[in-house]
N, C-alpha and C. Protein backbone atom coordinates (compact mmCIF):
# COMPACT_ATOMS: atom_id res chain seq x y z
N MET A 1 58.72 88.12 151.56
CA MET A 1 58.07 88.04 150.38
C MET A 1 58.97 87.33 149.23
N LYS A 2 58.33 86.42 148.47
CA LYS A 2 59.20 85.83 147.44
C LYS A 2 59.50 86.78 146.31
N SER A 3 60.69 86.84 145.92
CA SER A 3 61.25 87.64 144.67
C SER A 3 60.90 87.06 143.54
N GLU A 4 60.55 87.82 142.54
CA GLU A 4 60.09 87.33 140.99
C GLU A 4 61.49 86.90 140.28
N THR A 5 61.44 85.82 139.76
CA THR A 5 62.65 85.38 139.02
C THR A 5 62.23 84.77 137.71
N ALA A 6 63.16 84.59 136.73
CA ALA A 6 62.84 84.14 135.44
C ALA A 6 62.16 82.64 135.56
N ALA A 7 62.22 82.01 136.59
CA ALA A 7 61.70 80.82 136.79
C ALA A 7 60.28 80.79 137.38
N ASP A 8 59.86 81.99 137.86
CA ASP A 8 58.51 82.09 138.49
C ASP A 8 57.51 81.96 137.53
N PRO A 9 56.27 81.40 138.01
CA PRO A 9 55.08 81.14 137.11
C PRO A 9 54.68 82.39 136.16
N ALA A 10 54.99 83.68 136.76
CA ALA A 10 54.84 84.85 136.00
C ALA A 10 55.36 84.86 134.60
N CYS A 11 56.52 84.11 134.44
CA CYS A 11 57.11 84.21 133.13
C CYS A 11 57.22 82.77 132.58
N THR A 12 56.93 81.83 133.37
CA THR A 12 57.12 80.37 132.66
C THR A 12 55.98 79.52 132.95
N ALA A 13 54.81 80.13 133.15
CA ALA A 13 53.74 79.20 133.39
C ALA A 13 53.29 78.18 132.32
N PRO A 14 53.02 77.05 132.45
CA PRO A 14 52.66 75.99 131.37
C PRO A 14 51.32 76.22 130.68
N LEU A 15 51.01 75.81 129.68
CA LEU A 15 49.77 76.10 129.11
C LEU A 15 48.75 75.26 129.78
N PRO A 16 47.67 75.97 130.26
CA PRO A 16 46.62 75.37 131.07
C PRO A 16 45.75 74.30 130.18
N GLY A 17 45.37 73.27 130.73
CA GLY A 17 44.68 72.13 130.00
C GLY A 17 43.43 72.75 129.18
N SER A 18 42.90 73.73 129.73
CA SER A 18 41.74 74.38 128.99
C SER A 18 42.04 75.17 128.02
N ALA A 19 43.33 75.63 127.79
CA ALA A 19 43.83 76.37 126.72
C ALA A 19 44.54 75.61 125.58
N LEU A 20 44.50 74.34 125.73
CA LEU A 20 45.29 73.44 124.75
C LEU A 20 44.85 73.67 123.19
N GLY A 21 43.51 73.98 123.15
CA GLY A 21 43.07 74.29 121.90
C GLY A 21 43.48 75.66 121.35
N GLY A 22 44.00 76.37 122.11
CA GLY A 22 44.36 77.82 121.64
C GLY A 22 45.79 78.36 122.09
N PRO A 23 46.80 77.59 121.81
CA PRO A 23 48.07 77.95 122.26
C PRO A 23 48.64 79.40 121.65
N VAL A 24 48.14 79.74 120.66
CA VAL A 24 48.59 81.10 120.07
C VAL A 24 47.83 82.16 120.78
N SER A 25 46.50 82.01 121.14
CA SER A 25 45.72 82.88 121.75
C SER A 25 46.23 83.04 123.06
N HIS A 26 46.61 82.00 123.81
CA HIS A 26 47.11 82.00 125.10
C HIS A 26 48.44 82.79 125.16
N ALA A 27 49.35 82.52 124.16
CA ALA A 27 50.64 83.30 124.05
C ALA A 27 50.31 84.79 123.74
N VAL A 28 49.42 85.12 123.02
CA VAL A 28 49.08 86.51 122.64
C VAL A 28 48.79 87.09 123.93
N SER A 29 47.82 86.69 124.64
CA SER A 29 47.31 87.28 125.92
C SER A 29 48.44 87.43 126.84
N ARG A 30 49.35 86.49 127.00
CA ARG A 30 50.38 86.61 127.87
C ARG A 30 51.42 87.65 127.55
N VAL A 31 51.69 87.86 126.13
CA VAL A 31 52.56 88.79 125.60
C VAL A 31 51.91 90.24 125.80
N ALA A 32 50.56 90.32 125.58
CA ALA A 32 50.02 91.49 125.81
C ALA A 32 50.04 92.10 127.23
N ARG A 33 49.85 91.21 128.19
CA ARG A 33 50.13 91.51 129.66
C ARG A 33 51.33 92.04 129.96
N LEU A 34 52.45 91.28 129.45
CA LEU A 34 53.77 91.66 129.85
C LEU A 34 54.23 92.87 128.98
N HIS A 35 53.63 93.10 127.79
CA HIS A 35 53.99 94.26 127.12
C HIS A 35 53.38 95.53 127.86
N ARG A 36 52.19 95.32 128.27
CA ARG A 36 51.66 96.49 129.11
C ARG A 36 52.41 96.72 130.51
N MET A 37 52.91 95.59 131.11
CA MET A 37 53.71 95.90 132.27
C MET A 37 54.99 96.61 131.92
N ALA A 38 55.61 96.29 130.81
CA ALA A 38 56.77 96.94 130.42
C ALA A 38 56.60 98.41 129.95
N ALA A 39 55.50 98.49 129.39
CA ALA A 39 55.01 99.97 129.01
C ALA A 39 54.94 100.88 130.12
N GLY A 40 54.21 100.22 131.27
CA GLY A 40 54.04 100.97 132.45
C GLY A 40 55.23 101.45 133.07
N LYS A 41 56.13 100.46 133.09
CA LYS A 41 57.54 100.88 133.79
C LYS A 41 58.25 102.11 132.95
N LEU A 42 58.14 102.09 131.76
CA LEU A 42 58.76 103.17 130.94
C LEU A 42 58.01 104.44 131.07
N LEU A 43 56.85 104.43 130.94
CA LEU A 43 55.88 105.63 131.07
C LEU A 43 56.03 106.15 132.46
N LYS A 44 56.14 105.28 133.38
CA LYS A 44 56.21 105.90 134.93
C LYS A 44 57.19 107.04 134.95
N GLY A 45 58.47 106.78 134.16
CA GLY A 45 59.39 107.88 134.22
C GLY A 45 58.99 109.15 133.54
N ALA A 46 58.03 109.11 132.75
CA ALA A 46 57.47 110.24 131.99
C ALA A 46 56.19 110.81 132.93
N GLY A 47 55.90 110.19 133.81
CA GLY A 47 54.78 110.58 134.78
C GLY A 47 53.43 110.11 134.18
N LEU A 48 53.37 109.21 133.26
CA LEU A 48 52.08 108.70 132.62
C LEU A 48 51.78 107.33 133.10
N TYR A 49 50.52 106.95 132.84
CA TYR A 49 49.89 105.60 133.13
C TYR A 49 49.85 105.04 131.57
N PRO A 50 49.90 103.71 131.32
CA PRO A 50 49.72 103.24 130.08
C PRO A 50 48.30 103.53 129.38
N GLY A 51 48.47 103.97 128.28
CA GLY A 51 47.13 104.43 127.56
C GLY A 51 47.09 105.93 127.35
N GLN A 52 47.78 106.69 128.42
CA GLN A 52 47.71 108.12 128.34
C GLN A 52 48.55 108.68 127.12
N GLU A 53 49.64 107.72 126.89
CA GLU A 53 50.44 108.34 125.90
C GLU A 53 49.79 108.25 124.36
N PHE A 54 48.86 107.28 124.32
CA PHE A 54 48.00 107.35 122.89
C PHE A 54 47.15 108.56 122.84
N VAL A 55 46.63 109.16 123.89
CA VAL A 55 45.89 110.30 123.95
C VAL A 55 46.61 111.47 123.47
N MET A 56 47.79 111.62 124.07
CA MET A 56 48.79 112.76 123.81
C MET A 56 49.39 112.43 122.42
N MET A 57 49.64 111.28 121.97
CA MET A 57 50.19 111.10 120.55
C MET A 57 49.10 111.64 119.55
N HIS A 58 47.78 111.42 119.66
CA HIS A 58 46.75 111.71 118.85
C HIS A 58 46.72 113.36 118.84
N LEU A 59 46.65 113.90 120.03
CA LEU A 59 46.59 115.25 120.24
C LEU A 59 47.79 116.06 119.56
N TRP A 60 48.94 115.51 119.82
CA TRP A 60 50.16 116.15 119.21
C TRP A 60 50.13 115.99 117.78
N ASP A 61 49.62 115.01 117.17
CA ASP A 61 49.49 114.86 115.53
C ASP A 61 48.30 115.52 115.14
N ALA A 62 47.11 115.49 115.64
CA ALA A 62 45.99 116.05 115.10
C ALA A 62 45.63 117.40 115.41
N GLY A 63 46.15 117.79 116.54
CA GLY A 63 45.74 119.31 116.99
C GLY A 63 44.32 119.04 117.70
N PRO A 64 43.76 120.28 118.09
CA PRO A 64 42.59 120.26 118.89
C PRO A 64 41.41 119.27 118.23
N VAL A 65 40.81 118.56 119.13
CA VAL A 65 39.76 117.51 118.60
C VAL A 65 38.66 117.66 119.71
N ARG A 66 37.43 117.27 119.27
CA ARG A 66 36.40 117.00 120.19
C ARG A 66 36.71 115.70 120.96
N GLN A 67 36.26 115.54 122.24
CA GLN A 67 36.29 114.41 123.04
C GLN A 67 35.80 113.23 122.22
N SER A 68 34.70 113.24 121.78
CA SER A 68 34.19 112.13 120.95
C SER A 68 35.00 111.60 119.86
N GLU A 69 35.68 112.61 119.22
CA GLU A 69 36.67 112.17 118.04
C GLU A 69 37.87 111.42 118.75
N LEU A 70 38.33 111.91 119.94
CA LEU A 70 39.52 111.56 120.55
C LEU A 70 39.18 110.07 121.08
N ILE A 71 37.99 109.79 121.56
CA ILE A 71 37.72 108.49 121.96
C ILE A 71 37.69 107.55 120.94
N LYS A 72 37.10 107.99 119.74
CA LYS A 72 37.10 107.01 118.48
C LYS A 72 38.56 106.77 118.04
N ALA A 73 39.33 107.69 118.23
CA ALA A 73 40.68 107.58 117.57
C ALA A 73 41.44 106.65 118.48
N VAL A 74 41.47 106.63 119.71
CA VAL A 74 42.40 105.91 120.66
C VAL A 74 41.77 104.56 120.96
N GLU A 75 40.34 104.41 120.61
CA GLU A 75 39.67 103.09 120.75
C GLU A 75 39.69 102.60 122.13
N LEU A 76 39.35 103.53 123.11
CA LEU A 76 39.21 103.22 124.39
C LEU A 76 37.76 103.63 124.91
N ASP A 77 37.51 102.93 126.16
CA ASP A 77 36.20 103.23 126.77
C ASP A 77 35.98 104.74 127.10
N PRO A 78 34.85 105.35 126.82
CA PRO A 78 34.76 106.78 127.08
C PRO A 78 34.96 107.07 128.47
N SER A 79 34.56 106.38 129.51
CA SER A 79 34.81 106.59 130.86
C SER A 79 36.29 106.72 131.03
N THR A 80 37.04 105.69 130.46
CA THR A 80 38.51 105.75 130.53
C THR A 80 39.17 106.84 130.02
N VAL A 81 38.74 107.37 128.87
CA VAL A 81 39.34 108.56 128.35
C VAL A 81 38.94 109.80 129.20
N THR A 82 37.80 109.83 129.57
CA THR A 82 37.39 110.92 130.47
C THR A 82 38.36 110.98 131.80
N LYS A 83 38.85 109.90 132.41
CA LYS A 83 39.55 109.95 133.48
C LYS A 83 40.88 110.31 133.10
N MET A 84 41.43 109.84 132.02
CA MET A 84 42.72 110.18 131.51
C MET A 84 42.91 111.69 131.31
N LEU A 85 41.81 112.16 130.58
CA LEU A 85 42.01 113.67 130.30
C LEU A 85 41.84 114.47 131.59
N GLN A 86 41.15 114.12 132.59
CA GLN A 86 41.11 114.87 133.73
C GLN A 86 42.48 114.88 134.41
N ARG A 87 43.20 113.55 134.37
CA ARG A 87 44.49 113.63 135.08
C ARG A 87 45.62 114.41 134.14
N LEU A 88 45.51 114.31 132.84
CA LEU A 88 46.40 114.97 132.02
C LEU A 88 46.10 116.46 132.08
N GLU A 89 44.91 117.00 132.19
CA GLU A 89 44.69 118.29 132.36
C GLU A 89 45.21 118.90 133.73
N GLN A 90 45.06 118.14 134.77
CA GLN A 90 45.58 118.46 136.07
C GLN A 90 47.05 118.56 136.21
N ALA A 91 47.87 117.65 135.22
CA ALA A 91 49.14 117.68 135.01
C ALA A 91 49.68 118.77 134.18
N GLY A 92 48.75 119.45 133.41
CA GLY A 92 49.13 120.60 132.53
C GLY A 92 49.39 120.26 131.12
N HIS A 93 49.15 118.91 130.81
CA HIS A 93 49.49 118.46 129.51
C HIS A 93 48.46 118.72 128.40
N VAL A 94 47.15 118.86 128.81
CA VAL A 94 46.04 119.24 127.82
C VAL A 94 45.18 120.31 128.43
N ARG A 95 44.52 120.82 127.63
CA ARG A 95 43.50 121.81 128.01
C ARG A 95 42.21 122.01 127.06
N ARG A 96 41.24 122.50 127.64
CA ARG A 96 39.95 122.48 127.04
C ARG A 96 39.77 123.96 126.39
N CYS A 97 39.14 124.05 125.11
CA CYS A 97 38.97 125.32 124.72
C CYS A 97 37.73 125.43 123.70
N PRO A 98 37.16 126.51 123.55
CA PRO A 98 35.82 126.43 122.82
C PRO A 98 36.18 126.08 121.39
N ASP A 99 35.13 125.45 120.71
CA ASP A 99 35.26 125.10 119.39
C ASP A 99 34.76 126.28 118.54
N PRO A 100 35.74 126.82 117.58
CA PRO A 100 35.33 128.02 116.88
C PRO A 100 34.18 127.73 116.04
N ALA A 101 33.97 126.57 115.60
CA ALA A 101 32.85 126.26 114.65
C ALA A 101 31.47 126.14 115.46
N ASP A 102 31.51 125.88 116.88
CA ASP A 102 30.42 125.66 117.53
C ASP A 102 30.69 126.01 118.96
N ARG A 103 30.26 127.23 119.42
CA ARG A 103 30.50 127.57 120.82
C ARG A 103 30.09 126.78 121.99
N ARG A 104 29.15 125.93 121.57
CA ARG A 104 28.53 125.04 122.56
C ARG A 104 29.50 123.78 122.80
N ALA A 105 30.28 123.63 121.90
CA ALA A 105 31.27 122.47 121.96
C ALA A 105 32.51 122.71 122.35
N VAL A 106 33.22 121.87 122.92
CA VAL A 106 34.70 122.05 123.48
C VAL A 106 35.70 121.29 122.87
N LEU A 107 36.78 121.62 122.63
CA LEU A 107 37.89 120.97 121.96
C LEU A 107 39.02 120.72 123.03
N ILE A 108 39.63 119.63 122.80
CA ILE A 108 40.77 119.03 123.62
C ILE A 108 42.00 119.32 122.77
N GLU A 109 43.05 120.01 123.38
CA GLU A 109 44.23 120.13 122.79
C GLU A 109 45.50 119.88 123.78
N ALA A 110 46.64 119.53 123.23
CA ALA A 110 47.88 119.46 123.92
C ALA A 110 48.31 120.94 124.27
N THR A 111 48.91 121.23 125.36
CA THR A 111 49.44 122.45 125.81
C THR A 111 50.77 122.57 125.35
N ALA A 112 51.32 123.86 125.29
CA ALA A 112 52.78 124.01 124.95
C ALA A 112 53.63 123.39 125.89
N ASP A 113 53.20 123.28 127.18
CA ASP A 113 54.02 122.80 128.22
C ASP A 113 54.12 121.22 128.10
N SER A 114 53.56 120.63 127.08
CA SER A 114 53.55 119.07 126.99
C SER A 114 54.65 118.79 125.90
N CYS A 115 55.44 119.81 125.48
CA CYS A 115 56.49 119.58 124.62
C CYS A 115 57.50 118.60 125.07
N ALA A 116 57.88 118.89 126.38
CA ALA A 116 58.81 118.06 126.98
C ALA A 116 58.39 116.56 127.12
N LEU A 117 57.14 116.47 127.46
CA LEU A 117 56.50 115.17 127.46
C LEU A 117 56.67 114.39 126.22
N HIS A 118 56.48 115.10 125.05
CA HIS A 118 56.53 114.48 123.65
C HIS A 118 57.94 113.81 123.63
N SER A 119 59.02 114.40 124.05
CA SER A 119 60.32 113.87 123.96
C SER A 119 60.54 112.66 124.79
N ALA A 120 59.83 112.67 125.92
CA ALA A 120 59.96 111.54 127.03
C ALA A 120 59.13 110.35 126.41
N VAL A 121 58.08 110.65 125.85
CA VAL A 121 57.19 109.56 125.30
C VAL A 121 57.71 108.93 124.09
N ALA A 122 58.55 109.68 123.17
CA ALA A 122 59.05 109.12 122.16
C ALA A 122 60.26 108.34 122.51
N GLU A 123 60.91 108.67 123.51
CA GLU A 123 62.24 107.72 124.07
C GLU A 123 61.78 106.51 124.69
N ALA A 124 60.57 106.68 125.54
CA ALA A 124 59.97 105.49 126.11
C ALA A 124 59.43 104.47 125.15
N TRP A 125 58.79 104.93 124.05
CA TRP A 125 58.30 104.08 122.94
C TRP A 125 59.48 103.47 122.21
N THR A 126 60.61 104.19 121.99
CA THR A 126 61.78 103.66 121.37
C THR A 126 62.31 102.47 122.34
N ASN A 127 62.40 102.63 123.55
CA ASN A 127 63.04 101.69 124.45
C ASN A 127 62.15 100.47 124.47
N LEU A 128 60.83 100.73 124.49
CA LEU A 128 59.78 99.53 124.60
C LEU A 128 59.96 98.87 123.31
N GLU A 129 60.11 99.32 122.22
CA GLU A 129 60.24 98.59 120.90
C GLU A 129 61.72 97.70 120.91
N GLU A 130 62.60 98.26 121.46
CA GLU A 130 63.89 97.53 121.47
C GLU A 130 63.78 96.29 122.56
N HIS A 131 63.11 96.59 123.71
CA HIS A 131 62.93 95.59 124.60
C HIS A 131 62.02 94.43 124.08
N THR A 132 60.87 94.84 123.44
CA THR A 132 60.16 93.81 122.82
C THR A 132 60.58 92.99 121.76
N LEU A 133 61.38 93.66 120.93
CA LEU A 133 62.04 92.84 119.74
C LEU A 133 63.49 92.53 119.84
N HIS A 134 64.03 92.62 121.03
CA HIS A 134 65.40 92.19 121.25
C HIS A 134 65.75 90.82 120.55
N GLY A 135 66.77 90.90 119.77
CA GLY A 135 67.06 89.51 119.37
C GLY A 135 66.47 89.08 117.89
N LEU A 136 65.61 89.99 117.56
CA LEU A 136 64.86 89.78 116.14
C LEU A 136 65.61 90.55 115.19
N GLY A 137 65.96 90.11 113.99
CA GLY A 137 66.53 90.78 112.90
C GLY A 137 65.44 91.82 112.09
N PRO A 138 66.03 92.63 111.40
CA PRO A 138 64.98 93.40 110.40
C PRO A 138 63.96 92.68 109.87
N ASP A 139 64.39 91.51 109.04
CA ASP A 139 63.40 90.77 108.35
C ASP A 139 62.26 90.11 109.26
N GLU A 140 62.87 89.58 110.51
CA GLU A 140 61.89 89.11 111.44
C GLU A 140 60.89 90.02 111.95
N ARG A 141 61.41 91.40 112.15
CA ARG A 141 60.61 92.53 112.74
C ARG A 141 59.34 92.72 111.57
N THR A 142 59.98 92.81 110.48
CA THR A 142 58.91 93.03 109.28
C THR A 142 57.83 92.02 109.26
N GLU A 143 58.36 90.70 109.34
CA GLU A 143 57.30 89.64 109.27
C GLU A 143 56.47 89.68 110.33
N LEU A 144 56.93 90.04 111.51
CA LEU A 144 56.15 89.92 112.61
C LEU A 144 54.98 91.00 112.68
N VAL A 145 55.23 92.27 112.10
CA VAL A 145 54.46 93.42 111.89
C VAL A 145 53.28 92.81 110.86
N ARG A 146 53.68 92.23 109.89
CA ARG A 146 52.73 91.59 108.84
C ARG A 146 51.88 90.68 109.39
N LEU A 147 52.34 89.68 110.22
CA LEU A 147 51.49 88.64 110.78
C LEU A 147 50.54 89.35 111.90
N LEU A 148 51.04 90.33 112.85
CA LEU A 148 50.23 90.86 113.72
C LEU A 148 48.98 91.64 113.10
N ALA A 149 49.23 92.32 111.94
CA ALA A 149 48.43 93.12 111.22
C ALA A 149 47.27 92.03 110.67
N LYS A 150 47.63 90.98 110.21
CA LYS A 150 46.63 89.96 109.84
C LYS A 150 45.76 89.40 110.95
N VAL A 151 46.47 89.18 112.11
CA VAL A 151 45.77 88.76 113.24
C VAL A 151 44.66 89.90 113.84
N GLU A 152 45.16 91.07 113.75
CA GLU A 152 44.27 92.17 114.10
C GLU A 152 43.06 92.29 113.30
N GLU A 153 43.41 92.05 111.93
CA GLU A 153 42.30 92.09 110.89
C GLU A 153 41.22 91.06 111.32
N ASN A 154 41.71 89.85 111.53
CA ASN A 154 40.89 88.68 111.89
C ASN A 154 39.98 89.00 113.05
N LEU A 155 40.66 89.55 114.01
CA LEU A 155 40.00 89.77 115.38
C LEU A 155 39.02 91.05 115.19
N CYS A 156 39.25 92.04 114.42
CA CYS A 156 38.30 93.10 114.21
C CYS A 156 37.07 92.54 113.52
N VAL A 157 37.24 91.56 112.57
CA VAL A 157 36.13 91.04 111.93
C VAL A 157 35.23 90.32 112.95
N GLN A 158 35.90 89.52 113.83
CA GLN A 158 35.17 88.82 114.96
C GLN A 158 34.40 89.78 115.93
N ALA A 159 35.05 90.82 116.12
CA ALA A 159 34.45 91.80 117.13
C ALA A 159 33.47 92.71 116.44
N GLY A 160 33.34 92.70 115.06
CA GLY A 160 32.48 93.66 114.37
C GLY A 160 32.85 94.97 114.45
N ASP A 161 34.07 95.36 114.58
CA ASP A 161 34.55 96.82 114.84
C ASP A 161 35.84 96.95 113.89
N CYS A 162 35.76 96.83 112.57
CA CYS A 162 36.82 96.93 111.73
C CYS A 162 37.13 98.39 111.11
N PRO A 163 38.43 98.56 111.00
CA PRO A 163 38.74 99.82 110.17
C PRO A 163 38.07 99.75 108.86
N ASP A 164 38.15 100.87 108.12
CA ASP A 164 37.51 100.92 106.75
C ASP A 164 38.15 100.00 105.83
N ARG A 165 39.55 99.67 106.02
CA ARG A 165 40.14 98.79 105.08
C ARG A 165 40.44 97.53 105.78
N THR A 166 39.80 96.33 105.22
CA THR A 166 40.08 95.03 105.84
C THR A 166 40.60 93.96 104.79
N ASP A 167 41.21 94.51 103.63
CA ASP A 167 41.63 93.65 102.52
C ASP A 167 43.13 93.43 102.60
N GLY A 168 43.77 93.77 103.59
CA GLY A 168 45.06 93.33 103.78
C GLY A 168 46.02 94.53 103.30
N ALA A 169 45.44 95.55 102.74
CA ALA A 169 46.42 96.74 102.27
C ALA A 169 46.94 97.39 103.36
N ALA A 170 46.29 97.50 104.47
CA ALA A 170 46.85 98.14 105.65
C ALA A 170 47.96 97.46 106.25
N ALA A 171 47.80 95.98 106.25
CA ALA A 171 49.04 95.14 106.73
C ALA A 171 50.30 95.29 105.81
N GLU A 172 50.09 95.30 104.53
CA GLU A 172 51.13 95.43 103.58
C GLU A 172 51.68 96.80 103.76
N GLU A 173 50.91 97.80 104.02
CA GLU A 173 51.61 99.17 104.21
C GLU A 173 52.33 99.29 105.39
N SER A 174 51.83 98.69 106.49
CA SER A 174 52.50 98.68 107.86
C SER A 174 53.87 97.92 107.74
N ALA A 175 53.77 96.94 107.16
CA ALA A 175 54.94 96.00 107.06
C ALA A 175 56.03 96.76 106.12
N ALA A 176 55.65 97.66 105.12
CA ALA A 176 56.46 98.36 104.22
C ALA A 176 57.17 99.44 105.08
N ARG A 177 56.29 100.12 105.83
CA ARG A 177 56.95 101.09 106.67
C ARG A 177 57.99 100.68 107.63
N THR A 178 57.68 99.50 108.31
CA THR A 178 58.69 98.98 109.22
C THR A 178 59.93 98.45 108.51
N GLU A 179 59.73 97.93 107.41
CA GLU A 179 60.91 97.51 106.56
C GLU A 179 61.80 98.75 106.14
N GLY A 180 61.12 99.72 105.85
CA GLY A 180 62.03 100.90 105.53
C GLY A 180 62.62 101.52 106.77
N ALA A 181 61.94 101.42 107.82
CA ALA A 181 62.60 102.06 109.12
C ALA A 181 63.73 101.13 109.62
N ALA A 182 63.59 99.92 109.24
CA ALA A 182 64.59 98.94 109.72
C ALA A 182 65.88 99.19 108.87
N GLU A 183 65.75 99.56 107.54
CA GLU A 183 66.86 99.85 106.73
C GLU A 183 67.54 101.13 107.09
N GLN A 184 66.71 102.21 107.68
CA GLN A 184 67.33 103.52 107.79
C GLN A 184 67.80 103.55 109.35
N SER A 185 67.25 102.97 110.26
CA SER A 185 67.40 103.11 111.71
C SER A 185 68.37 102.17 112.23
N PRO A 186 69.60 102.56 112.91
CA PRO A 186 70.43 101.47 113.63
C PRO A 186 69.55 100.91 114.73
N ALA A 187 68.64 101.41 115.25
CA ALA A 187 68.06 100.84 116.30
C ALA A 187 67.17 99.65 115.97
N ALA A 188 66.89 99.38 114.76
CA ALA A 188 66.26 98.22 114.24
C ALA A 188 67.19 97.06 114.26
N GLN A 189 68.51 97.21 114.26
CA GLN A 189 69.50 96.20 114.22
C GLN A 189 69.48 95.35 115.43
N PRO A 190 69.59 93.99 115.43
CA PRO A 190 69.72 93.29 116.76
C PRO A 190 70.90 93.77 117.64
N GLY A 191 70.49 94.05 118.93
CA GLY A 191 71.52 94.32 119.85
C GLY A 191 71.03 94.21 121.16
N PRO A 192 71.74 94.82 122.34
CA PRO A 192 71.43 94.83 123.58
C PRO A 192 69.94 95.66 123.70
N ALA A 193 69.16 95.11 124.71
CA ALA A 193 68.07 95.71 124.95
C ALA A 193 68.21 97.08 125.64
N ALA A 194 67.28 98.07 125.37
CA ALA A 194 67.46 99.29 126.28
C ALA A 194 67.17 99.13 127.70
N GLN A 195 67.55 100.01 128.46
CA GLN A 195 67.16 99.89 129.74
C GLN A 195 65.91 100.42 130.14
N PRO A 196 64.87 99.73 130.88
CA PRO A 196 63.58 100.14 130.88
C PRO A 196 63.51 101.36 131.80
N GLU A 197 64.25 101.61 132.74
CA GLU A 197 64.12 102.57 133.74
C GLU A 197 64.67 103.95 133.13
N SER A 198 65.07 103.96 131.86
CA SER A 198 65.65 105.21 131.43
C SER A 198 64.58 106.28 131.33
N THR A 199 63.46 106.03 131.12
CA THR A 199 62.44 107.09 131.02
C THR A 199 61.13 106.79 131.80
N SER A 200 56.18 101.90 126.05
CA SER A 200 56.00 102.32 126.43
C SER A 200 56.32 102.59 125.08
N SER A 201 52.17 101.58 124.15
CA SER A 201 51.95 100.95 123.71
C SER A 201 51.20 100.96 123.71
N ALA A 202 50.97 100.95 124.17
CA ALA A 202 51.06 100.27 123.34
C ALA A 202 50.30 100.43 122.96
N ARG A 203 51.24 101.17 120.82
CA ARG A 203 50.38 101.07 122.03
C ARG A 203 50.60 99.81 122.71
N SER A 204 50.65 99.98 124.16
CA SER A 204 50.50 98.78 124.80
C SER A 204 49.18 98.10 124.53
N THR A 205 49.17 96.75 124.33
CA THR A 205 48.16 96.18 123.75
C THR A 205 46.85 96.30 124.49
N SER A 206 46.90 96.40 125.86
CA SER A 206 45.83 96.64 126.67
C SER A 206 46.04 97.98 127.35
N ALA A 207 45.31 99.13 126.75
CA ALA A 207 45.84 100.45 127.30
C ALA A 207 44.76 101.10 128.12
N ALA A 208 44.18 100.27 128.88
CA ALA A 208 43.29 101.06 129.91
C ALA A 208 44.03 101.50 131.13
N GLU A 209 43.61 102.84 131.53
CA GLU A 209 44.37 103.33 132.72
C GLU A 209 43.61 102.85 134.00
N LEU A 210 44.46 102.24 134.93
CA LEU A 210 43.90 101.65 136.18
C LEU A 210 44.30 102.49 137.36
């Protein structure tokens, strides 16, 4: 079996002729795929599949929520979220409980046992960030966040599924938060990439659990 190297097509494939009119779109799709692969490697150390971390992140921050609210928050297919919750529940990371406001409804919440997972996800996400942005300085990282937010805004308009704010305020706010983090965190400075197997996305850009 041929080993994958930096010269393999997986990393250096030329732009297909049919994609000559969309070099940026082609690059984004390749970056998204590779980002998800990197996220998968890092999350494997925490016992998660890509996408499951977003479910847990929301539950840790929001507390108990209905499954319909969770699906909307993580922006994934309902069947995918259902499958994720089944696996997370089996692993002891989430549980279902009655909704005090409506006994016919069920809430999903993170368990106390998921606290250790919280630390593992935070570490994996930090490592993924440094892998992804290795070699970029604080200003470049801030500008990248700003540009990606504008791209996301364009795409949500095209998809007809936009957040409440599409006037660029969210992009500016996100860039400001990133700039502040770059000034305060040593991890934001250019340096060696973190090792992927130490413990991830994305949100990995395509976060469906397979």
